[in-house]
Amino acid sequence: MLMPDGRAPGRAALAALLWAAAGAVVAAAGPQAAPAGTAQGAQSSMARMAAHMYLTTLRPMRPGDREKADAIVAQAKLAMAPYQDYRRAIADGYKIFLPNVPQPQYHFTKAANGLAARRRFDPAQPTSLLYKKTAGAGYELVGVMYTDRVDASEQEIDERIPLSIARWHQHINFCRAPPGHLAEYFGANAKFGLMGSISTKDACEAAGGSFYPHVLGWMVHVYPYEADPNKVWSTVDDDSGHDNMDHSSMPGMER
């Protein structure tokens, strides 16, 4: 299984197995696996997510930043053009991450692009294509995801896409659940993973888990088809299929 940032073995493989297993728990549990959509529940979820997410701060705009970002959006749109039919993406080596887990947005990830992105930035070769499910068994292409290695500096990602325009994110403070506690990745009282209440090494070890300060590398989503410039680089989840922080496809994990 490929992670959304294109990596396979090692720590990413561990996360993939966790998410796949967790997805199976959700599928088996049905709608009751998700907490009720109350204001209190939403506030609690946001607080937990904040402990597992690092999001870059918008920097002051510099001369040339907007033009550079606009050029990347144009290249992203060209990169998306051949893949309006998701089956073409699959034929070209993109693989769906957790296809059987209901998500507002699905990552179709190409391992070769993710590996190449660790060394250089090529807007024409996004690590992932972002689709939302349509009626029936189809998918609609809505955006792309670019990545960089976890130890890349903010200066490096700023050189790729200006931090005055885009806010990159990392998923952090992941506590792997001990055997027999898989269901505790989910629900209003989740303890483990990217949606869990545990966000420190000490608390994780006290609960019998395994702690990972970082699980994946840098990520940023781009939505070139949006007419509103603010939505092109949006970091806000919405009802247009934008799961910008990968919350649904990565239960209990945030970057």
C-alpha atoms as a PDB file:
ATOM      1  CA  MET A   1       0.000   0.000   0.000  1.00  0.00           C
ATOM      2  CA  LEU A   2       1.239   3.483  -0.832  1.00  0.00           C
ATOM      3  CA  MET A   3       0.950   6.413   1.509  1.00  0.00           C
ATOM      4  CA  PRO A   4      -0.480   9.664   0.132  1.00  0.00           C
ATOM      5  CA  ASP A   5       3.023  11.107  -0.041  1.00  0.00           C
ATOM      6  CA  GLY A   6       4.242   8.239  -2.217  1.00  0.00           C
ATOM      7  CA  ARG A   7       6.343   6.397   0.357  1.00  0.00           C
ATOM      8  CA  ALA A   8       6.011   2.692   1.046  1.00  0.00           C
ATOM      9  CA  PRO A   9       8.353   0.896   3.477  1.00  0.00           C
ATOM     10  CA  GLY A  10       9.390   1.900   6.975  1.00  0.00           C
ATOM     11  CA  ARG A  11       7.375   4.306   9.099  1.00  0.00           C
ATOM     12  CA  ALA A  12       5.017   5.141   6.251  1.00  0.00           C
ATOM     13  CA  ALA A  13       4.185   1.465   5.803  1.00  0.00           C
ATOM     14  CA  LEU A  14       3.373   1.270   9.515  1.00  0.00           C
ATOM     15  CA  ALA A  15       0.987   4.192   9.157  1.00  0.00           C
ATOM     16  CA  ALA A  16      -0.581   2.663   6.066  1.00  0.00           C
ATOM     17  CA  LEU A  17      -1.286  -0.576   7.881  1.00  0.00           C
ATOM     18  CA  LEU A  18      -2.799   1.318  10.798  1.00  0.00           C
ATOM     19  CA  TRP A  19      -5.053   3.339   8.545  1.00  0.00           C
ATOM     20  CA  ALA A  20      -6.116   0.349   6.525  1.00  0.00           C
ATOM     21  CA  ALA A  21      -6.980  -1.585   9.667  1.00  0.00           C
ATOM     22  CA  ALA A  22      -8.737   1.438  11.106  1.00  0.00           C
ATOM     23  CA  GLY A  23     -10.703   1.792   7.908  1.00  0.00           C
ATOM     24  CA  ALA A  24     -11.886  -1.767   8.319  1.00  0.00           C
ATOM     25  CA  VAL A  25     -13.090  -0.937  11.834  1.00  0.00           C
ATOM     26  CA  VAL A  26     -15.083   2.025  10.519  1.00  0.00           C
ATOM     27  CA  ALA A  27     -16.620  -0.046   7.733  1.00  0.00           C
ATOM     28  CA  ALA A  28     -17.625  -2.759  10.192  1.00  0.00           C
ATOM     29  CA  ALA A  29     -18.987  -0.328  12.777  1.00  0.00           C
ATOM     30  CA  GLY A  30     -21.087   1.611  10.303  1.00  0.00           C
ATOM     31  CA  PRO A  31     -22.448   5.144  10.850  1.00  0.00           C
ATOM     32  CA  GLN A  32     -22.255   4.834  14.634  1.00  0.00           C
ATOM     33  CA  ALA A  33     -18.440   4.871  14.401  1.00  0.00           C
ATOM     34  CA  ALA A  34     -18.569   8.613  13.786  1.00  0.00           C
ATOM     35  CA  PRO A  35     -19.441  11.011  16.628  1.00  0.00           C
ATOM     36  CA  ALA A  36     -22.631  13.008  16.502  1.00  0.00           C
ATOM     37  CA  GLY A  37     -22.274  16.325  14.729  1.00  0.00           C
ATOM     38  CA  THR A  38     -22.769  18.508  17.755  1.00  0.00           C
ATOM     39  CA  ALA A  39     -21.084  21.841  18.363  1.00  0.00           C
ATOM     40  CA  GLN A  40     -19.395  20.407  21.444  1.00  0.00           C
ATOM     41  CA  GLY A  41     -18.155  17.425  19.450  1.00  0.00           C
ATOM     42  CA  ALA A  42     -16.843  19.687  16.696  1.00  0.00           C
ATOM     43  CA  GLN A  43     -14.925  21.838  19.167  1.00  0.00           C
ATOM     44  CA  SER A  44     -13.432  18.746  20.790  1.00  0.00           C
ATOM     45  CA  SER A  45     -12.387  17.359  17.407  1.00  0.00           C
ATOM     46  CA  MET A  46     -10.749  20.639  16.410  1.00  0.00           C
ATOM     47  CA  ALA A  47      -8.789  20.730  19.659  1.00  0.00           C
ATOM     48  CA  ARG A  48      -7.526  17.198  19.092  1.00  0.00           C
ATOM     49  CA  MET A  49      -6.610  17.903  15.481  1.00  0.00           C
ATOM     50  CA  ALA A  50      -4.603  20.972  16.451  1.00  0.00           C
ATOM     51  CA  ALA A  51      -2.329  18.807  18.587  1.00  0.00           C
ATOM     52  CA  HIS A  52      -1.488  16.611  15.602  1.00  0.00           C
ATOM     53  CA  MET A  53      -0.987  19.211  12.899  1.00  0.00           C
ATOM     54  CA  TYR A  54       1.804  21.570  12.008  1.00  0.00           C
ATOM     55  CA  LEU A  55       0.733  24.212   9.503  1.00  0.00           C
ATOM     56  CA  THR A  56       3.105  26.808   8.123  1.00  0.00           C
ATOM     57  CA  THR A  57       2.346  30.456   8.830  1.00  0.00           C
ATOM     58  CA  LEU A  58       1.602  32.775   5.935  1.00  0.00           C
ATOM     59  CA  ARG A  59       4.567  35.059   5.315  1.00  0.00           C
ATOM     60  CA  PRO A  60       4.545  38.600   3.927  1.00  0.00           C
ATOM     61  CA  MET A  61       4.128  38.741   0.171  1.00  0.00           C
ATOM     62  CA  ARG A  62       7.348  39.344  -1.784  1.00  0.00           C
ATOM     63  CA  PRO A  63       7.719  40.602  -5.336  1.00  0.00           C
ATOM     64  CA  GLY A  64       7.212  37.702  -7.713  1.00  0.00           C
ATOM     65  CA  ASP A  65       5.446  35.380  -5.235  1.00  0.00           C
ATOM     66  CA  ARG A  66       2.011  35.716  -6.813  1.00  0.00           C
ATOM     67  CA  GLU A  67       3.368  35.209 -10.319  1.00  0.00           C
ATOM     68  CA  LYS A  68       5.304  32.131  -9.234  1.00  0.00           C
ATOM     69  CA  ALA A  69       2.258  30.636  -7.534  1.00  0.00           C
ATOM     70  CA  ASP A  70       0.039  31.375 -10.526  1.00  0.00           C
ATOM     71  CA  ALA A  71       2.533  29.614 -12.797  1.00  0.00           C
ATOM     72  CA  ILE A  72       2.407  26.542 -10.540  1.00  0.00           C
ATOM     73  CA  VAL A  73      -1.395  26.543 -10.664  1.00  0.00           C
ATOM     74  CA  ALA A  74      -1.246  26.672 -14.460  1.00  0.00           C
ATOM     75  CA  GLN A  75       1.190  23.745 -14.526  1.00  0.00           C
ATOM     76  CA  ALA A  76      -0.973  21.796 -12.091  1.00  0.00           C
ATOM     77  CA  LYS A  77      -3.972  22.292 -14.346  1.00  0.00           C
ATOM     78  CA  LEU A  78      -1.994  20.942 -17.290  1.00  0.00           C
ATOM     79  CA  ALA A  79      -0.869  17.970 -15.198  1.00  0.00           C
ATOM     80  CA  MET A  80      -4.494  17.215 -14.334  1.00  0.00           C
ATOM     81  CA  ALA A  81      -5.785  17.468 -17.893  1.00  0.00           C
ATOM     82  CA  PRO A  82      -5.115  13.837 -18.942  1.00  0.00           C
ATOM     83  CA  TYR A  83      -6.764  12.429 -15.832  1.00  0.00           C
ATOM     84  CA  GLN A  84     -10.335  13.640 -15.926  1.00  0.00           C
ATOM     85  CA  ASP A  85     -11.165   9.942 -16.266  1.00  0.00           C
ATOM     86  CA  TYR A  86      -9.795   8.358 -13.084  1.00  0.00           C
ATOM     87  CA  ARG A  87      -9.210   5.098 -14.950  1.00  0.00           C
ATOM     88  CA  ARG A  88      -6.512   6.815 -16.979  1.00  0.00           C
ATOM     89  CA  ALA A  89      -4.792   7.768 -13.724  1.00  0.00           C
ATOM     90  CA  ILE A  90      -4.880   4.167 -12.548  1.00  0.00           C
ATOM     91  CA  ALA A  91      -3.496   3.000 -15.886  1.00  0.00           C
ATOM     92  CA  ASP A  92      -0.627   5.481 -15.504  1.00  0.00           C
ATOM     93  CA  GLY A  93       0.368   4.133 -12.107  1.00  0.00           C
ATOM     94  CA  TYR A  94      -1.690   6.185  -9.646  1.00  0.00           C
ATOM     95  CA  LYS A  95      -3.124   4.026  -6.868  1.00  0.00           C
ATOM     96  CA  ILE A  96      -6.155   4.887  -4.720  1.00  0.00           C
ATOM     97  CA  PHE A  97      -5.417   5.251  -1.019  1.00  0.00           C
ATOM     98  CA  LEU A  98      -8.036   3.408   1.083  1.00  0.00           C
ATOM     99  CA  PRO A  99     -10.593   3.090  -1.742  1.00  0.00           C
ATOM    100  CA  ASN A 100     -13.080   1.217   0.445  1.00  0.00           C
ATOM    101  CA  VAL A 101     -13.145   3.814   3.227  1.00  0.00           C
ATOM    102  CA  PRO A 102     -15.748   6.585   2.665  1.00  0.00           C
ATOM    103  CA  GLN A 103     -13.955   9.927   2.260  1.00  0.00           C
ATOM    104  CA  PRO A 104     -14.883  13.371   0.904  1.00  0.00           C
ATOM    105  CA  GLN A 105     -11.628  13.289  -1.043  1.00  0.00           C
ATOM    106  CA  TYR A 106      -9.519  10.418  -2.360  1.00  0.00           C
ATOM    107  CA  HIS A 107      -5.774  10.473  -2.951  1.00  0.00           C
ATOM    108  CA  PHE A 108      -4.616   8.730  -6.125  1.00  0.00           C
ATOM    109  CA  THR A 109      -0.881   8.478  -5.436  1.00  0.00           C
ATOM    110  CA  LYS A 110       2.013   7.697  -7.755  1.00  0.00           C
ATOM    111  CA  ALA A 111       4.996   6.318  -5.851  1.00  0.00           C
ATOM    112  CA  ALA A 112       7.564   7.387  -8.443  1.00  0.00           C
ATOM    113  CA  ASN A 113       6.397  11.004  -8.253  1.00  0.00           C
ATOM    114  CA  GLY A 114       6.500  10.966  -4.457  1.00  0.00           C
ATOM    115  CA  LEU A 115      10.047   9.626  -4.441  1.00  0.00           C
ATOM    116  CA  ALA A 116      11.177  12.163  -7.037  1.00  0.00           C
ATOM    117  CA  ALA A 117       9.592  14.984  -5.000  1.00  0.00           C
ATOM    118  CA  ARG A 118      11.978  14.193  -2.159  1.00  0.00           C
ATOM    119  CA  ARG A 119      14.821  15.437  -4.383  1.00  0.00           C
ATOM    120  CA  ARG A 120      13.280  18.082  -6.623  1.00  0.00           C
ATOM    121  CA  PHE A 121      10.048  19.953  -7.310  1.00  0.00           C
ATOM    122  CA  ASP A 122       8.220  19.420 -10.581  1.00  0.00           C
ATOM    123  CA  PRO A 123       4.700  20.919 -10.705  1.00  0.00           C
ATOM    124  CA  ALA A 124       3.980  18.760 -13.747  1.00  0.00           C
ATOM    125  CA  GLN A 125       4.416  15.605 -11.639  1.00  0.00           C
ATOM    126  CA  PRO A 126       2.207  15.859  -8.526  1.00  0.00           C
ATOM    127  CA  THR A 127       2.547  13.118  -5.944  1.00  0.00           C
ATOM    128  CA  SER A 128      -1.220  12.670  -5.762  1.00  0.00           C
ATOM    129  CA  LEU A 129      -4.295  13.482  -7.800  1.00  0.00           C
ATOM    130  CA  LEU A 130      -7.274  14.467  -5.631  1.00  0.00           C
ATOM    131  CA  TYR A 131     -10.713  13.159  -6.559  1.00  0.00           C
ATOM    132  CA  LYS A 132     -14.133  13.265  -4.953  1.00  0.00           C
ATOM    133  CA  LYS A 133     -16.656  10.474  -5.376  1.00  0.00           C
ATOM    134  CA  THR A 134     -19.534  11.036  -7.783  1.00  0.00           C
ATOM    135  CA  ALA A 135     -22.882   9.286  -8.084  1.00  0.00           C
ATOM    136  CA  GLY A 136     -22.319   5.652  -8.860  1.00  0.00           C
ATOM    137  CA  ALA A 137     -18.753   4.426  -8.875  1.00  0.00           C
ATOM    138  CA  GLY A 138     -17.087   7.406 -10.527  1.00  0.00           C
ATOM    139  CA  TYR A 139     -14.647  10.094  -9.387  1.00  0.00           C
ATOM    140  CA  GLU A 140     -14.325  13.788 -10.213  1.00  0.00           C
ATOM    141  CA  LEU A 141     -10.839  15.293 -10.332  1.00  0.00           C
ATOM    142  CA  VAL A 142     -10.625  18.400  -8.121  1.00  0.00           C
ATOM    143  CA  GLY A 143      -6.961  19.002  -7.383  1.00  0.00           C
ATOM    144  CA  VAL A 144      -3.434  17.780  -6.804  1.00  0.00           C
ATOM    145  CA  MET A 145      -1.116  17.299  -3.867  1.00  0.00           C
ATOM    146  CA  TYR A 146       2.588  18.154  -3.834  1.00  0.00           C
ATOM    147  CA  THR A 147       4.955  16.752  -1.226  1.00  0.00           C
ATOM    148  CA  ASP A 148       8.463  17.081   0.159  1.00  0.00           C
ATOM    149  CA  ARG A 149      10.487  14.969   2.587  1.00  0.00           C
ATOM    150  CA  VAL A 150       9.794  15.329   6.298  1.00  0.00           C
ATOM    151  CA  ASP A 151      13.168  16.922   7.085  1.00  0.00           C
ATOM    152  CA  ALA A 152      12.959  19.587   4.391  1.00  0.00           C
ATOM    153  CA  SER A 153      13.382  23.095   5.796  1.00  0.00           C
ATOM    154  CA  GLU A 154      10.698  25.748   5.490  1.00  0.00           C
ATOM    155  CA  GLN A 155      13.130  27.631   3.302  1.00  0.00           C
ATOM    156  CA  GLU A 156      13.100  24.722   0.878  1.00  0.00           C
ATOM    157  CA  ILE A 157       9.337  24.412   0.676  1.00  0.00           C
ATOM    158  CA  ASP A 158       9.107  28.199   0.389  1.00  0.00           C
ATOM    159  CA  GLU A 159      11.340  27.948  -2.677  1.00  0.00           C
ATOM    160  CA  ARG A 160       8.993  25.356  -4.143  1.00  0.00           C
ATOM    161  CA  ILE A 161       5.751  27.229  -3.483  1.00  0.00           C
ATOM    162  CA  PRO A 162       5.911  30.608  -1.709  1.00  0.00           C
ATOM    163  CA  LEU A 163       4.795  30.465   1.911  1.00  0.00           C
ATOM    164  CA  SER A 164       3.124  33.821   1.379  1.00  0.00           C
ATOM    165  CA  ILE A 165       0.614  31.954  -0.806  1.00  0.00           C
ATOM    166  CA  ALA A 166       0.485  28.328   0.294  1.00  0.00           C
ATOM    167  CA  ARG A 167       0.359  26.775   3.756  1.00  0.00           C
ATOM    168  CA  TRP A 168       2.107  23.408   3.803  1.00  0.00           C
ATOM    169  CA  HIS A 169       1.270  20.931   6.557  1.00  0.00           C
ATOM    170  CA  GLN A 170       2.735  17.960   8.392  1.00  0.00           C
ATOM    171  CA  HIS A 171       1.040  15.284  10.485  1.00  0.00           C
ATOM    172  CA  ILE A 172       2.711  15.047  13.888  1.00  0.00           C
ATOM    173  CA  ASN A 173       2.472  13.486  17.365  1.00  0.00           C
ATOM    174  CA  PHE A 174       1.091  10.120  16.294  1.00  0.00           C
ATOM    175  CA  CYS A 175       0.486   7.534  19.010  1.00  0.00           C
ATOM    176  CA  ARG A 176       0.154   4.019  17.640  1.00  0.00           C
ATOM    177  CA  ALA A 177      -2.430   2.028  19.563  1.00  0.00           C
ATOM    178  CA  PRO A 178      -1.348  -1.151  21.332  1.00  0.00           C
ATOM    179  CA  PRO A 179      -2.846  -4.493  20.263  1.00  0.00           C
ATOM    180  CA  GLY A 180      -6.532  -4.773  21.031  1.00  0.00           C
ATOM    181  CA  HIS A 181      -7.169  -1.011  21.045  1.00  0.00           C
ATOM    182  CA  LEU A 182      -7.718  -0.332  17.334  1.00  0.00           C
ATOM    183  CA  ALA A 183     -11.243   1.030  17.860  1.00  0.00           C
ATOM    184  CA  GLU A 184      -9.786   3.818  20.010  1.00  0.00           C
ATOM    185  CA  TYR A 185      -8.596   5.628  16.880  1.00  0.00           C
ATOM    186  CA  PHE A 186     -12.197   6.741  16.381  1.00  0.00           C
ATOM    187  CA  GLY A 187     -15.141   8.422  18.025  1.00  0.00           C
ATOM    188  CA  ALA A 188     -15.649  11.365  20.325  1.00  0.00           C
ATOM    189  CA  ASN A 189     -13.317   9.819  22.916  1.00  0.00           C
ATOM    190  CA  ALA A 190     -10.578   8.663  20.543  1.00  0.00           C
ATOM    191  CA  LYS A 191      -7.223   8.252  22.284  1.00  0.00           C
ATOM    192  CA  PHE A 192      -4.827   7.192  19.519  1.00  0.00           C
ATOM    193  CA  GLY A 193      -3.867   8.424  16.063  1.00  0.00           C
ATOM    194  CA  LEU A 194      -4.303  11.824  14.502  1.00  0.00           C
ATOM    195  CA  MET A 195      -7.729  12.402  15.999  1.00  0.00           C
ATOM    196  CA  GLY A 196      -6.788  11.099  19.428  1.00  0.00           C
ATOM    197  CA  SER A 197      -6.410  12.888  22.743  1.00  0.00           C
ATOM    198  CA  ILE A 198      -2.853  11.588  23.180  1.00  0.00           C
ATOM    199  CA  SER A 199      -0.259  13.910  21.669  1.00  0.00           C
ATOM    200  CA  THR A 200       2.883  13.456  23.785  1.00  0.00           C
ATOM    201  CA  LYS A 201       5.465  10.698  24.065  1.00  0.00           C
ATOM    202  CA  ASP A 202       4.958  10.275  27.808  1.00  0.00           C
ATOM    203  CA  ALA A 203       1.179   9.942  27.527  1.00  0.00           C
ATOM    204  CA  CYS A 204       1.508   7.554  24.600  1.00  0.00           C
ATOM    205  CA  GLU A 205       3.918   5.249  26.391  1.00  0.00           C
ATOM    206  CA  ALA A 206       1.791   5.365  29.539  1.00  0.00           C
ATOM    207  CA  ALA A 207      -1.127   4.089  27.439  1.00  0.00           C
ATOM    208  CA  GLY A 208       0.996   1.287  26.017  1.00  0.00           C
ATOM    209  CA  GLY A 209       1.352   2.884  22.578  1.00  0.00           C
ATOM    210  CA  SER A 210       4.289   3.735  20.319  1.00  0.00           C
ATOM    211  CA  PHE A 211       4.996   7.406  19.671  1.00  0.00           C
ATOM    212  CA  TYR A 212       6.068   8.971  16.346  1.00  0.00           C
ATOM    213  CA  PRO A 213       6.862  12.721  16.316  1.00  0.00           C
ATOM    214  CA  HIS A 214       6.352  12.816  12.530  1.00  0.00           C
ATOM    215  CA  VAL A 215       4.597  10.258  10.364  1.00  0.00           C
ATOM    216  CA  LEU A 216       4.799  11.721   6.888  1.00  0.00           C
ATOM    217  CA  GLY A 217       6.495  14.507   4.996  1.00  0.00           C
ATOM    218  CA  TRP A 218       5.351  17.970   3.941  1.00  0.00           C
ATOM    219  CA  MET A 219       2.112  18.208   1.939  1.00  0.00           C
ATOM    220  CA  VAL A 220       0.177  20.946   0.190  1.00  0.00           C
ATOM    221  CA  HIS A 221      -3.088  20.745  -1.777  1.00  0.00           C
ATOM    222  CA  VAL A 222      -3.863  22.829  -4.861  1.00  0.00           C
ATOM    223  CA  TYR A 223      -7.291  23.243  -6.495  1.00  0.00           C
ATOM    224  CA  PRO A 224      -6.632  24.834  -9.908  1.00  0.00           C
ATOM    225  CA  TYR A 225     -10.247  24.728 -11.084  1.00  0.00           C
ATOM    226  CA  GLU A 226     -11.469  27.066  -8.332  1.00  0.00           C
ATOM    227  CA  ALA A 227     -12.426  30.554  -9.505  1.00  0.00           C
ATOM    228  CA  ASP A 228     -11.788  32.112  -6.090  1.00  0.00           C
ATOM    229  CA  PRO A 229      -7.994  32.491  -5.564  1.00  0.00           C
ATOM    230  CA  ASN A 230      -8.465  31.882  -1.843  1.00  0.00           C
ATOM    231  CA  LYS A 231      -9.919  28.453  -2.572  1.00  0.00           C
ATOM    232  CA  VAL A 232      -7.110  27.477  -4.942  1.00  0.00           C
ATOM    233  CA  TRP A 233      -4.772  27.230  -1.950  1.00  0.00           C
ATOM    234  CA  SER A 234      -7.472  26.570   0.653  1.00  0.00           C
ATOM    235  CA  THR A 235      -6.619  24.930   3.975  1.00  0.00           C
ATOM    236  CA  VAL A 236     -10.249  24.837   5.105  1.00  0.00           C
ATOM    237  CA  ASP A 237     -12.327  21.689   4.705  1.00  0.00           C
ATOM    238  CA  ASP A 238     -15.606  22.390   2.930  1.00  0.00           C
ATOM    239  CA  ASP A 239     -18.537  20.780   1.157  1.00  0.00           C
ATOM    240  CA  SER A 240     -16.849  20.943  -2.253  1.00  0.00           C
ATOM    241  CA  GLY A 241     -14.801  17.822  -1.684  1.00  0.00           C
ATOM    242  CA  HIS A 242     -11.834  19.645  -0.154  1.00  0.00           C
ATOM    243  CA  ASP A 243     -10.379  17.562   2.675  1.00  0.00           C
ATOM    244  CA  ASN A 244      -7.382  19.855   2.864  1.00  0.00           C
ATOM    245  CA  MET A 245      -5.763  18.393   5.958  1.00  0.00           C
ATOM    246  CA  ASP A 246      -6.387  14.771   4.897  1.00  0.00           C
ATOM    247  CA  HIS A 247      -8.434  14.162   8.050  1.00  0.00           C
ATOM    248  CA  SER A 248     -10.816  11.597   6.646  1.00  0.00           C
ATOM    249  CA  SER A 249      -8.292   9.542   4.722  1.00  0.00           C
ATOM    250  CA  MET A 250      -5.855   9.544   7.633  1.00  0.00           C
ATOM    251  CA  PRO A 251      -7.843   8.823  10.778  1.00  0.00           C
ATOM    252  CA  GLY A 252      -5.897   9.790  13.847  1.00  0.00           C
ATOM    253  CA  MET A 253      -3.005  11.301  11.893  1.00  0.00           C
ATOM    254  CA  GLU A 254      -2.190  14.840  10.861  1.00  0.00           C
ATOM    255  CA  ARG A 255       0.753  16.511   9.272  1.00  0.00           C
END
